[in-house]
Amino acid sequence: MTKLVGEWSEDWLDMSPFVVHFAKPSGKRTAYENCLSILAARRIEARGRFGTGKEYEASPKSVCFSEIPLHQLKRLADKRGP
């Protein structure tokens, strides 16, 4: 696997050398189908706005990632939903 995050140390228990992206359902596609589409396209497109300005058309679209350690991934999944 390719390390995507900069300098990393095993002493950083709250960080990981990898990034995670959660997919969600959209339109008629399930989250699983969206994951397959991302893998097939080999890219993630920014499609939604985030934060306090998300209601404004001029607000940039964003993509969210987490550097959560893989052994703590379930904790984040429980918070984000199925």
Protein backbone atom coordinates (compact mmCIF):
# COMPACT_ATOMS: atom_id res chain seq x y z
CA MET A 1 0.00 0.00 0.00
CA THR A 2 1.10 3.54 -0.64
CA LYS A 3 1.47 5.82 2.35
CA LEU A 4 -0.67 8.90 1.69
CA VAL A 5 -0.06 10.95 4.83
CA GLY A 6 3.21 12.78 5.52
CA GLU A 7 5.55 11.94 8.37
CA TRP A 8 4.08 9.34 10.70
CA SER A 9 5.24 7.62 13.85
CA GLU A 10 3.92 4.53 15.60
CA ASP A 11 3.93 6.68 18.75
CA TRP A 12 0.96 8.61 17.31
CA LEU A 13 -1.84 6.31 18.44
CA ASP A 14 -4.56 8.59 17.05
CA MET A 15 -3.10 8.78 13.53
CA SER A 16 -2.58 6.36 10.66
CA PRO A 17 -0.30 6.43 7.62
CA PHE A 18 -3.42 5.81 5.49
CA VAL A 19 -6.53 7.84 4.75
CA VAL A 20 -10.11 6.57 4.78
CA HIS A 21 -13.10 7.82 2.81
CA PHE A 22 -16.69 6.87 3.67
CA ALA A 23 -19.19 6.64 0.82
CA LYS A 24 -22.90 7.24 1.23
CA PRO A 25 -25.95 6.45 -0.88
CA SER A 26 -26.89 8.95 -3.58
CA GLY A 27 -29.79 8.90 -5.99
CA LYS A 28 -30.55 5.29 -6.86
CA ARG A 29 -27.10 4.01 -5.90
CA THR A 30 -26.26 2.42 -2.56
CA ALA A 31 -23.14 3.33 -0.59
CA TYR A 32 -21.65 -0.01 -1.68
CA GLU A 33 -22.33 0.75 -5.35
CA ASN A 34 -20.73 4.18 -4.89
CA CYS A 35 -17.64 2.51 -3.37
CA LEU A 36 -17.39 0.21 -6.38
CA SER A 37 -17.74 3.20 -8.71
CA ILE A 38 -14.94 5.05 -6.88
CA LEU A 39 -12.68 2.01 -7.12
CA ALA A 40 -13.44 1.52 -10.82
CA ALA A 41 -12.86 5.20 -11.64
CA ARG A 42 -9.81 5.35 -9.33
CA ARG A 43 -10.82 8.82 -8.14
CA ILE A 44 -13.10 10.57 -5.69
CA GLU A 45 -15.01 13.61 -6.91
CA ALA A 46 -15.94 16.53 -4.67
CA ARG A 47 -19.71 16.79 -5.00
CA GLY A 48 -21.02 18.22 -1.73
CA ARG A 49 -20.47 21.40 0.23
CA PHE A 50 -19.45 21.28 3.88
CA GLY A 51 -19.46 23.56 6.89
CA THR A 52 -21.21 26.79 7.78
CA GLY A 53 -21.21 28.09 4.21
CA LYS A 54 -22.58 24.94 2.61
CA GLU A 55 -25.86 26.66 1.68
CA TYR A 56 -24.08 29.21 -0.54
CA GLU A 57 -23.56 28.45 -4.23
CA ALA A 58 -20.08 30.01 -4.13
CA SER A 59 -18.97 27.59 -1.40
CA PRO A 60 -16.46 25.06 -2.77
CA LYS A 61 -17.36 21.40 -2.95
CA SER A 62 -15.29 19.11 -0.77
CA VAL A 63 -14.23 15.53 -0.14
CA CYS A 64 -13.78 14.25 3.41
CA PHE A 65 -11.06 11.88 4.55
CA SER A 66 -9.99 10.57 7.93
CA GLU A 67 -6.57 9.43 9.06
CA ILE A 68 -8.11 7.29 11.80
CA PRO A 69 -6.12 4.16 12.66
CA LEU A 70 -7.66 1.17 10.91
CA HIS A 71 -8.20 -0.70 14.19
CA GLN A 72 -10.48 2.18 15.31
CA LEU A 73 -12.43 2.38 12.05
CA LYS A 74 -15.57 0.78 13.54
CA ARG A 75 -15.82 3.61 16.06
CA LEU A 76 -16.00 6.17 13.27
CA ALA A 77 -18.35 3.98 11.20
CA ASP A 78 -20.71 3.71 14.18
CA LYS A 79 -20.80 7.51 14.42
CA ARG A 80 -21.16 8.14 10.66
CA GLY A 81 -23.78 5.46 10.02
CA PRO A 82 -23.91 2.27 7.97
